[in-house]
Every structure is written in C-alpha cells, then in structure tokens.
Amino acid sequence: MRSLSLACDSTTPLNVLCLGAHSDDIEIGCGGTILHLSEQYPNCAFHWVVFSALGVRAAEAESGAALFAGKKIARGPVLKRFQDGFMPFVGAEVKATFEELKPIAPDLIFTHNPNDAHQDHRLIAELTWNTFRDHLILEYEVPKYDGDMGRPSLFVPLESEVCDKKVRYLIQAFQSQHTKRWFRQDTFLALLRLRGMECNAPSGYAEAFYCRKMAL
C-alpha cells in the first residue's frame, strides 16, 4: 500500500481542528492519530471543540483534551451545552458555533462521518463540510450499538505504544462511560487491530478515516 504524508515537515506549524459531538468522540475516533501528530509535528496546534458537554461530561471533556493534546491546545477545549440527541432540532444554533470557528483556518480537520447512525454525529459532519469547503477533512469512526461500521478509505498506522496510551487515556478520562458494555479496552484495541490489518500496518494497529476528497 502506497503511503502519503501531509504537505509539511516536522518544523512546519500544523493547525488542526478537532470536532466532536460528545465528550469522548474525538478521543475515540482519532485519539491515536492526535498523539501521533503531536509527536511527529512538535509545532502543531489543536483547536478542540465539543458540542455536548453537560455536567460530569464537561469535566471529562477537559480531562480528555488535556491527556491527548495537553499544552498543544491552541483553542479550548471549547465546550458547548447542546443536549445529547437533540442537535438536529437546534441546527441553526449549532451552525452559529461553526461560523465562529472559521478564523482558525485549519490545515486539517477531524470530524464525524455523515453516514454515522447517531443523529448528532451526522449533523456535525454535515456542518463541517458546509462551513469548511476547501480543507482537508478526515471523518473518524465511533463504535456503537448501532453497528454502522463501514469501509474507510484512509488509514494512519500507529505504534502499539501509542494505541496502548490511547486506550489507557480513554478509560482514565471517561469514567462515566464505564457502565456501557462496549466502552472497554478490548473494544478499542480490536478496532485498532482490525484497521491495522486492513492497511497492513507494520505494528498491526491503525486508525481509519473517510476522506471525501484529497489533492495530490
């Protein structure tokens, strides 16, 4: 499989916008890649936006952002208080938040996939493309009961140490989710292993994304 790289070197600033509907979405969907980019690009800056962070979930969002991006967070984490499951019904207000993000001018955007079974995820994906029309956008995947796993087109091979750190941080930061039977170490490692197999990653592990368009 042919490998591609971002059009910048390790000394070039990399401006990354991370969008998540809920407190743990970014970390589940692209946490390993964020850890990888943070090491590969010392000058990278992460802009972290979570649209539904209420109650204990707000504190967890803060903790997750600190663990995964730390001092490299240039904006945020920006925590909004839209109600989980109701975002499509307040789409205008959500869109207003996106308009506030335009000045960031990111080099890379992580967001949800428009075919995700969760209605909040689909809205965030739609508004990402509606707002950022000439950017590199990578759509991540979030495992859930709905069984909507698809066939992603772009893979980021990850070292096993990075994957272990990702899973450890997830369990540490989002303790309110431990009652969900799918929120387990083996779930996250299994998905990383599956995507690593699909791209023949040297370590056997990878995160996968949907890439709608890319210029070579």
N, C-alpha and C. Protein backbone atom coordinates (compact mmCIF):
# COMPACT_ATOMS: atom_id res chain seq x y z
N MET A 1 0.85 -1.19 0.00
CA MET A 1 0.00 0.00 0.00
C MET A 1 0.89 1.24 0.00
N ARG A 2 0.60 2.19 -0.88
CA ARG A 2 1.38 3.41 -1.00
C ARG A 2 1.09 4.35 0.17
N SER A 3 2.14 4.88 0.79
CA SER A 3 1.99 5.80 1.92
C SER A 3 2.08 7.24 1.45
N LEU A 4 1.25 8.10 2.01
CA LEU A 4 1.25 9.53 1.73
C LEU A 4 1.50 10.30 3.01
N SER A 5 2.01 11.51 2.87
CA SER A 5 2.28 12.35 4.03
C SER A 5 1.64 13.72 3.83
N LEU A 6 1.46 14.43 4.93
CA LEU A 6 0.97 15.80 4.84
C LEU A 6 2.03 16.66 4.17
N ALA A 7 1.59 17.70 3.49
CA ALA A 7 2.50 18.56 2.72
C ALA A 7 3.21 19.56 3.62
N CYS A 8 3.89 19.04 4.64
CA CYS A 8 4.67 19.87 5.54
C CYS A 8 5.68 18.98 6.25
N ASP A 9 6.73 19.60 6.78
CA ASP A 9 7.72 18.81 7.51
C ASP A 9 7.54 19.00 9.01
N SER A 10 8.42 18.37 9.78
CA SER A 10 8.25 18.38 11.23
C SER A 10 8.43 19.75 11.85
N THR A 11 9.02 20.69 11.11
CA THR A 11 9.24 22.04 11.65
C THR A 11 8.13 23.01 11.27
N THR A 12 7.25 22.60 10.38
CA THR A 12 6.18 23.47 9.91
C THR A 12 4.99 23.43 10.88
N PRO A 13 4.47 24.58 11.29
CA PRO A 13 3.28 24.58 12.16
C PRO A 13 2.11 23.86 11.49
N LEU A 14 1.43 23.02 12.23
CA LEU A 14 0.27 22.28 11.73
C LEU A 14 -0.94 22.65 12.57
N ASN A 15 -1.92 23.26 11.93
CA ASN A 15 -3.11 23.76 12.61
C ASN A 15 -4.24 22.74 12.45
N VAL A 16 -4.66 22.12 13.55
CA VAL A 16 -5.61 21.02 13.50
C VAL A 16 -6.88 21.37 14.26
N LEU A 17 -8.02 21.23 13.61
CA LEU A 17 -9.32 21.45 14.24
C LEU A 17 -9.97 20.11 14.54
N CYS A 18 -10.28 19.87 15.81
CA CYS A 18 -10.89 18.61 16.24
C CYS A 18 -12.32 18.87 16.69
N LEU A 19 -13.29 18.24 16.02
CA LEU A 19 -14.70 18.46 16.30
C LEU A 19 -15.34 17.17 16.80
N GLY A 20 -16.08 17.28 17.89
CA GLY A 20 -16.77 16.11 18.43
C GLY A 20 -18.14 16.49 18.93
N ALA A 21 -19.13 15.69 18.62
CA ALA A 21 -20.48 15.98 19.11
C ALA A 21 -20.56 15.81 20.62
N HIS A 22 -19.87 14.78 21.13
CA HIS A 22 -19.94 14.45 22.55
C HIS A 22 -18.55 14.37 23.16
N SER A 23 -18.49 14.29 24.47
CA SER A 23 -17.24 14.46 25.19
C SER A 23 -16.14 13.49 24.81
N ASP A 24 -16.48 12.28 24.43
CA ASP A 24 -15.43 11.29 24.15
C ASP A 24 -15.25 10.98 22.67
N ASP A 25 -15.99 11.65 21.80
CA ASP A 25 -15.97 11.30 20.38
C ASP A 25 -14.60 11.51 19.74
N ILE A 26 -13.98 12.66 19.99
CA ILE A 26 -12.69 12.97 19.38
C ILE A 26 -11.66 11.93 19.81
N GLU A 27 -11.63 11.66 21.10
CA GLU A 27 -10.62 10.75 21.64
C GLU A 27 -10.80 9.32 21.11
N ILE A 28 -12.06 8.88 21.01
CA ILE A 28 -12.32 7.53 20.47
C ILE A 28 -11.98 7.48 18.99
N GLY A 29 -12.43 8.50 18.24
CA GLY A 29 -12.31 8.45 16.80
C GLY A 29 -10.92 8.70 16.26
N CYS A 30 -10.17 9.62 16.89
CA CYS A 30 -8.86 9.97 16.32
C CYS A 30 -7.81 10.24 17.39
N GLY A 31 -8.03 9.74 18.60
CA GLY A 31 -7.09 9.98 19.69
C GLY A 31 -5.69 9.48 19.40
N GLY A 32 -5.57 8.32 18.79
CA GLY A 32 -4.26 7.78 18.45
C GLY A 32 -3.54 8.64 17.43
N THR A 33 -4.29 9.11 16.43
CA THR A 33 -3.70 9.97 15.40
C THR A 33 -3.27 11.31 15.99
N ILE A 34 -4.04 11.83 16.92
CA ILE A 34 -3.66 13.07 17.60
C ILE A 34 -2.36 12.89 18.36
N LEU A 35 -2.23 11.79 19.08
CA LEU A 35 -0.98 11.50 19.80
C LEU A 35 0.18 11.37 18.82
N HIS A 36 -0.08 10.73 17.68
CA HIS A 36 0.95 10.53 16.65
C HIS A 36 1.38 11.87 16.05
N LEU A 37 0.40 12.71 15.69
CA LEU A 37 0.72 14.02 15.11
C LEU A 37 1.46 14.91 16.10
N SER A 38 1.09 14.80 17.36
CA SER A 38 1.73 15.61 18.37
C SER A 38 3.22 15.30 18.49
N GLU A 39 3.56 14.03 18.29
CA GLU A 39 4.97 13.63 18.32
C GLU A 39 5.67 13.99 17.01
N GLN A 40 4.99 13.79 15.89
CA GLN A 40 5.61 13.99 14.58
C GLN A 40 5.79 15.46 14.24
N TYR A 41 4.87 16.31 14.72
CA TYR A 41 4.92 17.74 14.41
C TYR A 41 4.97 18.53 15.73
N PRO A 42 6.15 18.80 16.23
CA PRO A 42 6.28 19.49 17.52
C PRO A 42 5.58 20.85 17.55
N ASN A 43 5.42 21.48 16.39
CA ASN A 43 4.79 22.81 16.35
C ASN A 43 3.30 22.76 16.05
N CYS A 44 2.69 21.60 16.14
CA CYS A 44 1.27 21.51 15.83
C CYS A 44 0.44 22.16 16.93
N ALA A 45 -0.74 22.64 16.55
CA ALA A 45 -1.67 23.26 17.49
C ALA A 45 -3.05 22.67 17.26
N PHE A 46 -3.70 22.27 18.35
CA PHE A 46 -5.02 21.64 18.26
C PHE A 46 -6.09 22.60 18.77
N HIS A 47 -7.15 22.74 17.98
CA HIS A 47 -8.32 23.51 18.36
C HIS A 47 -9.42 22.49 18.65
N TRP A 48 -9.89 22.44 19.88
CA TRP A 48 -10.69 21.33 20.39
C TRP A 48 -12.10 21.81 20.70
N VAL A 49 -13.09 21.27 20.01
CA VAL A 49 -14.47 21.73 20.19
C VAL A 49 -15.39 20.54 20.43
N VAL A 50 -16.11 20.57 21.57
CA VAL A 50 -17.08 19.54 21.91
C VAL A 50 -18.45 20.20 22.03
N PHE A 51 -19.42 19.70 21.31
CA PHE A 51 -20.71 20.38 21.22
C PHE A 51 -21.69 20.00 22.33
N SER A 52 -21.54 18.84 22.92
CA SER A 52 -22.40 18.43 24.03
C SER A 52 -21.53 17.99 25.19
N ALA A 53 -21.37 18.89 26.17
CA ALA A 53 -20.57 18.60 27.36
C ALA A 53 -21.31 19.15 28.56
N LEU A 54 -22.15 18.33 29.15
CA LEU A 54 -23.02 18.75 30.25
C LEU A 54 -22.64 17.98 31.52
N GLY A 55 -22.70 18.66 32.65
CA GLY A 55 -22.45 18.01 33.92
C GLY A 55 -21.07 17.40 34.01
N VAL A 56 -21.03 16.15 34.45
CA VAL A 56 -19.74 15.45 34.60
C VAL A 56 -19.04 15.28 33.26
N ARG A 57 -19.81 15.29 32.20
CA ARG A 57 -19.22 15.12 30.86
C ARG A 57 -18.35 16.32 30.48
N ALA A 58 -18.61 17.48 31.04
CA ALA A 58 -17.77 18.64 30.79
C ALA A 58 -16.39 18.44 31.40
N ALA A 59 -16.38 17.97 32.64
CA ALA A 59 -15.09 17.71 33.30
C ALA A 59 -14.32 16.62 32.58
N GLU A 60 -15.04 15.62 32.07
CA GLU A 60 -14.38 14.54 31.33
C GLU A 60 -13.81 15.05 30.01
N ALA A 61 -14.53 15.96 29.36
CA ALA A 61 -14.03 16.54 28.12
C ALA A 61 -12.73 17.32 28.37
N GLU A 62 -12.69 18.06 29.47
CA GLU A 62 -11.48 18.78 29.84
C GLU A 62 -10.33 17.81 30.07
N SER A 63 -10.62 16.73 30.78
CA SER A 63 -9.60 15.74 31.09
C SER A 63 -9.09 15.05 29.84
N GLY A 64 -10.00 14.68 28.93
CA GLY A 64 -9.61 14.02 27.70
C GLY A 64 -8.73 14.90 26.84
N ALA A 65 -9.11 16.16 26.70
CA ALA A 65 -8.31 17.09 25.89
C ALA A 65 -6.93 17.27 26.49
N ALA A 66 -6.85 17.36 27.81
CA ALA A 66 -5.56 17.55 28.47
C ALA A 66 -4.66 16.34 28.27
N LEU A 67 -5.23 15.13 28.35
CA LEU A 67 -4.43 13.92 28.19
C LEU A 67 -3.93 13.75 26.77
N PHE A 68 -4.78 14.00 25.80
CA PHE A 68 -4.44 13.72 24.41
C PHE A 68 -3.67 14.86 23.73
N ALA A 69 -3.97 16.09 24.05
CA ALA A 69 -3.32 17.22 23.37
C ALA A 69 -2.51 18.10 24.30
N GLY A 70 -2.86 18.12 25.57
CA GLY A 70 -2.08 18.84 26.55
C GLY A 70 -1.89 20.31 26.23
N LYS A 71 -0.64 20.76 26.35
CA LYS A 71 -0.32 22.18 26.15
C LYS A 71 -0.39 22.61 24.69
N LYS A 72 -0.62 21.64 23.79
CA LYS A 72 -0.69 21.99 22.37
C LYS A 72 -2.09 22.42 21.94
N ILE A 73 -3.00 22.53 22.89
CA ILE A 73 -4.33 23.04 22.57
C ILE A 73 -4.26 24.55 22.44
N ALA A 74 -4.48 25.05 21.24
CA ALA A 74 -4.43 26.49 20.98
C ALA A 74 -5.77 27.14 21.23
N ARG A 75 -6.83 26.37 21.06
CA ARG A 75 -8.17 26.90 21.29
C ARG A 75 -8.96 25.87 22.07
N GLY A 76 -9.35 26.24 23.28
CA GLY A 76 -10.21 25.37 24.04
C GLY A 76 -9.51 24.57 25.12
N PRO A 77 -10.15 23.48 25.50
CA PRO A 77 -11.30 22.96 24.77
C PRO A 77 -12.53 23.85 24.88
N VAL A 78 -13.15 24.09 23.72
CA VAL A 78 -14.40 24.83 23.67
C VAL A 78 -15.52 23.84 23.95
N LEU A 79 -16.24 24.06 25.02
CA LEU A 79 -17.29 23.13 25.43
C LEU A 79 -18.66 23.79 25.31
N LYS A 80 -19.51 23.23 24.46
CA LYS A 80 -20.86 23.72 24.28
C LYS A 80 -21.84 22.84 25.06
N ARG A 81 -23.05 23.32 25.22
CA ARG A 81 -24.01 22.66 26.09
C ARG A 81 -25.27 22.20 25.33
N PHE A 82 -25.11 21.83 24.06
CA PHE A 82 -26.25 21.29 23.33
C PHE A 82 -26.61 19.91 23.89
N GLN A 83 -27.90 19.63 23.96
CA GLN A 83 -28.35 18.38 24.56
C GLN A 83 -28.07 17.19 23.66
N ASP A 84 -27.53 16.14 24.24
CA ASP A 84 -27.24 14.90 23.51
C ASP A 84 -28.51 14.36 22.86
N GLY A 85 -28.43 14.10 21.55
CA GLY A 85 -29.55 13.52 20.82
C GLY A 85 -30.51 14.52 20.21
N PHE A 86 -30.35 15.82 20.53
CA PHE A 86 -31.29 16.83 20.06
C PHE A 86 -30.67 17.83 19.11
N MET A 87 -29.43 17.66 18.73
CA MET A 87 -28.75 18.68 17.92
C MET A 87 -29.42 18.98 16.59
N PRO A 88 -29.97 17.99 15.87
CA PRO A 88 -30.62 18.33 14.60
C PRO A 88 -31.79 19.30 14.76
N PHE A 89 -32.37 19.35 15.97
CA PHE A 89 -33.53 20.22 16.20
C PHE A 89 -33.13 21.64 16.56
N VAL A 90 -31.84 21.86 16.81
CA VAL A 90 -31.33 23.21 17.08
C VAL A 90 -30.17 23.49 16.13
N GLY A 91 -30.34 23.06 14.89
CA GLY A 91 -29.26 23.14 13.90
C GLY A 91 -28.76 24.55 13.67
N ALA A 92 -29.63 25.54 13.73
CA ALA A 92 -29.20 26.92 13.49
C ALA A 92 -28.21 27.37 14.55
N GLU A 93 -28.47 27.01 15.81
CA GLU A 93 -27.56 27.38 16.89
C GLU A 93 -26.22 26.66 16.76
N VAL A 94 -26.26 25.39 16.34
CA VAL A 94 -25.02 24.64 16.14
C VAL A 94 -24.23 25.27 14.99
N LYS A 95 -24.91 25.65 13.93
CA LYS A 95 -24.26 26.29 12.79
C LYS A 95 -23.57 27.59 13.21
N ALA A 96 -24.17 28.33 14.11
CA ALA A 96 -23.58 29.57 14.59
C ALA A 96 -22.23 29.31 15.25
N THR A 97 -22.11 28.20 15.96
CA THR A 97 -20.84 27.83 16.56
C THR A 97 -19.79 27.57 15.49
N PHE A 98 -20.19 26.91 14.41
CA PHE A 98 -19.27 26.65 13.30
C PHE A 98 -18.78 27.96 12.68
N GLU A 99 -19.66 28.92 12.53
CA GLU A 99 -19.26 30.20 11.93
C GLU A 99 -18.17 30.86 12.77
N GLU A 100 -18.23 30.68 14.08
CA GLU A 100 -17.23 31.26 14.96
C GLU A 100 -15.86 30.60 14.79
N LEU A 101 -15.84 29.41 14.18
CA LEU A 101 -14.58 28.67 14.02
C LEU A 101 -13.85 29.00 12.72
N LYS A 102 -14.48 29.69 11.81
CA LYS A 102 -13.88 29.97 10.51
C LYS A 102 -12.51 30.64 10.58
N PRO A 103 -12.29 31.60 11.49
CA PRO A 103 -10.98 32.27 11.52
C PRO A 103 -9.81 31.34 11.84
N ILE A 104 -10.07 30.16 12.34
CA ILE A 104 -8.98 29.23 12.66
C ILE A 104 -8.18 28.87 11.42
N ALA A 105 -8.87 28.75 10.28
CA ALA A 105 -8.21 28.37 9.01
C ALA A 105 -7.34 27.13 9.20
N PRO A 106 -7.93 26.00 9.58
CA PRO A 106 -7.14 24.80 9.89
C PRO A 106 -6.51 24.16 8.66
N ASP A 107 -5.36 23.53 8.88
CA ASP A 107 -4.73 22.72 7.83
C ASP A 107 -5.39 21.35 7.72
N LEU A 108 -5.95 20.89 8.83
CA LEU A 108 -6.53 19.55 8.91
C LEU A 108 -7.70 19.59 9.88
N ILE A 109 -8.79 18.92 9.50
CA ILE A 109 -9.99 18.87 10.34
C ILE A 109 -10.37 17.42 10.60
N PHE A 110 -10.60 17.09 11.86
CA PHE A 110 -11.16 15.79 12.23
C PHE A 110 -12.61 16.00 12.62
N THR A 111 -13.51 15.20 12.03
CA THR A 111 -14.92 15.34 12.34
C THR A 111 -15.61 13.98 12.18
N HIS A 112 -16.93 13.97 12.36
CA HIS A 112 -17.71 12.75 12.24
C HIS A 112 -17.96 12.39 10.77
N ASN A 113 -18.46 11.19 10.57
CA ASN A 113 -18.82 10.72 9.24
C ASN A 113 -20.32 10.95 9.01
N PRO A 114 -20.70 11.44 7.83
CA PRO A 114 -22.12 11.75 7.58
C PRO A 114 -23.02 10.52 7.53
N ASN A 115 -22.43 9.34 7.44
CA ASN A 115 -23.23 8.11 7.44
C ASN A 115 -23.32 7.46 8.82
N ASP A 116 -22.85 8.16 9.83
CA ASP A 116 -22.92 7.67 11.20
C ASP A 116 -24.38 7.50 11.62
N ALA A 117 -24.66 6.47 12.40
CA ALA A 117 -26.04 6.20 12.81
C ALA A 117 -26.56 7.20 13.84
N HIS A 118 -25.68 7.91 14.53
CA HIS A 118 -26.12 8.87 15.54
C HIS A 118 -26.45 10.20 14.89
N GLN A 119 -27.63 10.72 15.17
CA GLN A 119 -28.10 11.93 14.51
C GLN A 119 -27.22 13.15 14.82
N ASP A 120 -26.69 13.24 16.04
CA ASP A 120 -25.81 14.35 16.37
C ASP A 120 -24.53 14.29 15.54
N HIS A 121 -23.98 13.10 15.38
CA HIS A 121 -22.76 12.91 14.60
C HIS A 121 -22.98 13.34 13.15
N ARG A 122 -24.12 12.95 12.60
CA ARG A 122 -24.41 13.30 11.20
C ARG A 122 -24.50 14.81 11.02
N LEU A 123 -25.11 15.51 11.97
CA LEU A 123 -25.24 16.96 11.85
C LEU A 123 -23.88 17.64 11.90
N ILE A 124 -23.02 17.21 12.82
CA ILE A 124 -21.69 17.81 12.92
C ILE A 124 -20.91 17.58 11.63
N ALA A 125 -21.03 16.38 11.05
CA ALA A 125 -20.35 16.10 9.78
C ALA A 125 -20.86 17.01 8.68
N GLU A 126 -22.18 17.17 8.58
CA GLU A 126 -22.77 18.00 7.53
C GLU A 126 -22.32 19.45 7.66
N LEU A 127 -22.34 19.97 8.88
CA LEU A 127 -21.99 21.37 9.07
C LEU A 127 -20.49 21.60 8.92
N THR A 128 -19.68 20.57 9.15
CA THR A 128 -18.24 20.71 8.90
C THR A 128 -18.00 21.01 7.43
N TRP A 129 -18.62 20.21 6.56
CA TRP A 129 -18.44 20.42 5.11
C TRP A 129 -19.13 21.69 4.64
N ASN A 130 -20.21 22.05 5.28
CA ASN A 130 -20.92 23.28 4.92
C ASN A 130 -20.09 24.52 5.24
N THR A 131 -19.27 24.43 6.30
CA THR A 131 -18.51 25.58 6.77
C THR A 131 -17.12 25.64 6.17
N PHE A 132 -16.46 24.49 6.08
CA PHE A 132 -15.08 24.42 5.59
C PHE A 132 -15.09 23.71 4.24
N ARG A 133 -15.08 24.50 3.17
CA ARG A 133 -15.33 23.95 1.84
C ARG A 133 -14.08 23.68 1.03
N ASP A 134 -12.91 24.11 1.54
CA ASP A 134 -11.67 23.91 0.80
C ASP A 134 -10.56 23.48 1.76
N HIS A 135 -10.85 22.44 2.54
CA HIS A 135 -9.93 21.99 3.57
C HIS A 135 -9.78 20.47 3.51
N LEU A 136 -8.70 19.98 4.11
CA LEU A 136 -8.52 18.54 4.26
C LEU A 136 -9.33 18.09 5.47
N ILE A 137 -10.36 17.31 5.21
CA ILE A 137 -11.27 16.85 6.27
C ILE A 137 -11.20 15.33 6.34
N LEU A 138 -10.90 14.83 7.52
CA LEU A 138 -10.88 13.38 7.76
C LEU A 138 -12.00 13.03 8.74
N GLU A 139 -12.86 12.12 8.31
CA GLU A 139 -14.03 11.74 9.10
C GLU A 139 -13.72 10.45 9.87
N TYR A 140 -13.78 10.53 11.18
CA TYR A 140 -13.43 9.38 12.00
C TYR A 140 -14.65 8.50 12.30
N GLU A 141 -14.40 7.36 12.91
CA GLU A 141 -15.47 6.40 13.22
C GLU A 141 -15.56 6.19 14.72
N VAL A 142 -16.79 5.97 15.20
CA VAL A 142 -17.05 5.72 16.62
C VAL A 142 -17.86 4.44 16.74
N PRO A 143 -17.32 3.40 17.37
CA PRO A 143 -18.09 2.14 17.52
C PRO A 143 -19.26 2.37 18.46
N LYS A 144 -20.38 1.68 18.17
CA LYS A 144 -21.58 1.84 19.00
C LYS A 144 -22.52 0.68 18.76
N TYR A 145 -23.60 0.64 19.52
CA TYR A 145 -24.58 -0.45 19.41
C TYR A 145 -25.18 -0.57 18.02
N ASP A 146 -25.27 0.55 17.30
CA ASP A 146 -25.99 0.58 16.03
C ASP A 146 -25.35 -0.27 14.94
N GLY A 147 -24.07 -0.59 15.11
CA GLY A 147 -23.41 -1.45 14.12
C GLY A 147 -23.27 -0.79 12.77
N ASP A 148 -22.75 0.46 12.75
CA ASP A 148 -22.66 1.19 11.49
C ASP A 148 -21.24 1.27 10.95
N MET A 149 -20.39 0.33 11.32
CA MET A 149 -19.01 0.36 10.83
C MET A 149 -18.98 0.15 9.33
N GLY A 150 -18.20 0.98 8.64
CA GLY A 150 -18.18 0.94 7.18
C GLY A 150 -16.81 0.57 6.63
N ARG A 151 -16.52 1.11 5.45
CA ARG A 151 -15.27 0.81 4.75
C ARG A 151 -14.49 2.11 4.56
N PRO A 152 -13.70 2.51 5.53
CA PRO A 152 -12.94 3.76 5.42
C PRO A 152 -11.88 3.67 4.34
N SER A 153 -11.43 4.85 3.91
CA SER A 153 -10.53 4.90 2.75
C SER A 153 -9.14 5.39 3.08
N LEU A 154 -8.91 5.88 4.28
CA LEU A 154 -7.60 6.40 4.65
C LEU A 154 -7.21 5.84 6.01
N PHE A 155 -5.96 5.41 6.14
CA PHE A 155 -5.50 4.75 7.36
C PHE A 155 -4.26 5.45 7.91
N VAL A 156 -4.17 5.52 9.21
CA VAL A 156 -2.99 6.06 9.89
C VAL A 156 -2.40 4.95 10.75
N PRO A 157 -1.33 4.28 10.28
CA PRO A 157 -0.68 3.25 11.10
C PRO A 157 -0.15 3.85 12.39
N LEU A 158 -0.32 3.13 13.48
CA LEU A 158 0.11 3.62 14.79
C LEU A 158 0.98 2.60 15.49
N GLU A 159 1.97 3.06 16.22
CA GLU A 159 2.78 2.16 17.02
C GLU A 159 1.93 1.59 18.15
N SER A 160 2.26 0.38 18.57
CA SER A 160 1.47 -0.27 19.61
C SER A 160 1.49 0.53 20.91
N GLU A 161 2.61 1.23 21.18
CA GLU A 161 2.69 2.05 22.39
C GLU A 161 1.69 3.20 22.35
N VAL A 162 1.49 3.77 21.16
CA VAL A 162 0.51 4.84 21.01
C VAL A 162 -0.90 4.31 21.24
N CYS A 163 -1.17 3.13 20.73
CA CYS A 163 -2.50 2.53 20.91
C CYS A 163 -2.76 2.22 22.38
N ASP A 164 -1.76 1.70 23.06
CA ASP A 164 -1.91 1.42 24.49
C ASP A 164 -2.19 2.70 25.27
N LYS A 165 -1.49 3.77 24.90
CA LYS A 165 -1.69 5.05 25.57
C LYS A 165 -3.09 5.58 25.29
N LYS A 166 -3.54 5.47 24.04
CA LYS A 166 -4.89 5.92 23.69
C LYS A 166 -5.93 5.23 24.55
N VAL A 167 -5.86 3.92 24.62
CA VAL A 167 -6.87 3.16 25.36
C VAL A 167 -6.79 3.48 26.85
N ARG A 168 -5.59 3.61 27.37
CA ARG A 168 -5.42 3.93 28.79
C ARG A 168 -6.02 5.30 29.11
N TYR A 169 -5.79 6.27 28.24
CA TYR A 169 -6.35 7.60 28.44
C TYR A 169 -7.87 7.60 28.36
N LEU A 170 -8.43 6.82 27.43
CA LEU A 170 -9.89 6.74 27.30
C LEU A 170 -10.53 6.22 28.59
N ILE A 171 -9.98 5.16 29.11
CA ILE A 171 -10.53 4.56 30.33
C ILE A 171 -10.36 5.52 31.51
N GLN A 172 -9.26 6.22 31.53
CA GLN A 172 -8.97 7.15 32.64
C GLN A 172 -9.87 8.38 32.60
N ALA A 173 -10.07 8.95 31.43
CA ALA A 173 -10.77 10.23 31.32
C ALA A 173 -12.29 10.12 31.39
N PHE A 174 -12.85 9.03 30.87
CA PHE A 174 -14.30 8.96 30.69
C PHE A 174 -14.92 7.88 31.58
N GLN A 175 -14.80 8.07 32.87
CA GLN A 175 -15.26 7.06 33.81
C GLN A 175 -16.77 6.94 33.85
N SER A 176 -17.49 7.98 33.47
CA SER A 176 -18.95 7.89 33.45
C SER A 176 -19.45 6.90 32.41
N GLN A 177 -18.59 6.55 31.45
CA GLN A 177 -18.99 5.64 30.37
C GLN A 177 -18.69 4.18 30.68
N HIS A 178 -18.11 3.91 31.84
CA HIS A 178 -17.72 2.54 32.16
C HIS A 178 -18.91 1.60 32.32
N THR A 179 -20.10 2.15 32.53
CA THR A 179 -21.29 1.30 32.66
C THR A 179 -21.76 0.77 31.31
N LYS A 180 -21.29 1.37 30.22
CA LYS A 180 -21.65 0.88 28.89
C LYS A 180 -20.81 -0.35 28.56
N ARG A 181 -21.45 -1.42 28.16
CA ARG A 181 -20.73 -2.68 27.96
C ARG A 181 -19.73 -2.62 26.82
N TRP A 182 -19.92 -1.69 25.88
CA TRP A 182 -18.98 -1.60 24.76
C TRP A 182 -17.79 -0.72 25.07
N PHE A 183 -17.88 0.10 26.13
CA PHE A 183 -16.78 1.02 26.45
C PHE A 183 -15.72 0.25 27.24
N ARG A 184 -14.94 -0.53 26.51
CA ARG A 184 -13.94 -1.41 27.12
C ARG A 184 -12.64 -1.35 26.34
N GLN A 185 -11.57 -1.68 27.01
CA GLN A 185 -10.26 -1.69 26.37
C GLN A 185 -10.24 -2.60 25.15
N ASP A 186 -10.85 -3.78 25.28
CA ASP A 186 -10.76 -4.73 24.17
C ASP A 186 -11.55 -4.26 22.95
N THR A 187 -12.61 -3.48 23.16
CA THR A 187 -13.35 -2.92 22.02
C THR A 187 -12.46 -1.99 21.21
N PHE A 188 -11.80 -1.08 21.89
CA PHE A 188 -10.97 -0.09 21.20
C PHE A 188 -9.75 -0.74 20.56
N LEU A 189 -9.12 -1.67 21.26
CA LEU A 189 -7.95 -2.34 20.70
C LEU A 189 -8.34 -3.22 19.51
N ALA A 190 -9.53 -3.83 19.59
CA ALA A 190 -9.97 -4.68 18.49
C ALA A 190 -10.17 -3.88 17.21
N LEU A 191 -10.75 -2.68 17.34
CA LEU A 191 -10.96 -1.85 16.15
C LEU A 191 -9.62 -1.37 15.60
N LEU A 192 -8.71 -0.98 16.48
CA LEU A 192 -7.37 -0.58 16.03
C LEU A 192 -6.67 -1.74 15.31
N ARG A 193 -6.86 -2.93 15.83
CA ARG A 193 -6.23 -4.11 15.22
C ARG A 193 -6.84 -4.43 13.86
N LEU A 194 -8.16 -4.33 13.77
CA LEU A 194 -8.84 -4.60 12.51
C LEU A 194 -8.39 -3.62 11.43
N ARG A 195 -8.35 -2.33 11.75
CA ARG A 195 -7.93 -1.34 10.76
C ARG A 195 -6.45 -1.48 10.45
N GLY A 196 -5.66 -1.92 11.42
CA GLY A 196 -4.26 -2.18 11.15
C GLY A 196 -4.06 -3.32 10.19
N MET A 197 -4.89 -4.34 10.30
CA MET A 197 -4.84 -5.46 9.36
C MET A 197 -5.20 -5.01 7.96
N GLU A 198 -6.22 -4.17 7.84
CA GLU A 198 -6.70 -3.74 6.53
C GLU A 198 -5.66 -2.92 5.77
N CYS A 199 -4.81 -2.18 6.49
CA CYS A 199 -3.80 -1.36 5.81
C CYS A 199 -2.42 -1.98 5.92
N ASN A 200 -2.33 -3.18 6.44
CA ASN A 200 -1.05 -3.87 6.58
C ASN A 200 -0.05 -3.03 7.36
N ALA A 201 -0.49 -2.46 8.46
CA ALA A 201 0.37 -1.62 9.30
C ALA A 201 1.50 -2.46 9.89
N PRO A 202 2.71 -1.93 9.92
CA PRO A 202 3.84 -2.68 10.47
C PRO A 202 3.61 -3.15 11.91
N SER A 203 2.95 -2.32 12.72
CA SER A 203 2.69 -2.69 14.11
C SER A 203 1.45 -3.56 14.25
N GLY A 204 0.63 -3.59 13.19
CA GLY A 204 -0.64 -4.30 13.25
C GLY A 204 -1.80 -3.45 13.73
N TYR A 205 -1.54 -2.16 13.99
CA TYR A 205 -2.58 -1.28 14.52
C TYR A 205 -2.69 0.00 13.68
N ALA A 206 -3.91 0.52 13.58
CA ALA A 206 -4.12 1.77 12.84
C ALA A 206 -5.48 2.36 13.20
N GLU A 207 -5.62 3.66 12.97
CA GLU A 207 -6.93 4.30 12.97
C GLU A 207 -7.33 4.54 11.53
N ALA A 208 -8.63 4.56 11.26
CA ALA A 208 -9.10 4.70 9.90
C ALA A 208 -10.06 5.88 9.78
N PHE A 209 -10.07 6.48 8.59
CA PHE A 209 -10.88 7.66 8.34
C PHE A 209 -11.51 7.57 6.96
N TYR A 210 -12.59 8.33 6.79
CA TYR A 210 -13.20 8.51 5.49
C TYR A 210 -12.70 9.83 4.93
N CYS A 211 -12.12 9.80 3.76
CA CYS A 211 -11.59 11.01 3.13
C CYS A 211 -12.36 11.25 1.84
N ARG A 212 -13.20 12.25 1.83
CA ARG A 212 -14.08 12.50 0.69
C ARG A 212 -13.32 13.06 -0.52
N LYS A 213 -12.32 13.93 -0.26
CA LYS A 213 -11.53 14.46 -1.36
C LYS A 213 -10.16 14.88 -0.86
N MET A 214 -9.18 14.68 -1.75
CA MET A 214 -7.79 14.99 -1.43
C MET A 214 -7.06 15.36 -2.71
N ALA A 215 -6.19 16.36 -2.64
CA ALA A 215 -5.40 16.78 -3.79
C ALA A 215 -3.97 16.29 -3.61
N LEU A 216 -3.44 15.61 -4.63
CA LEU A 216 -2.07 15.13 -4.60
C LEU A 216 -1.15 16.14 -5.28
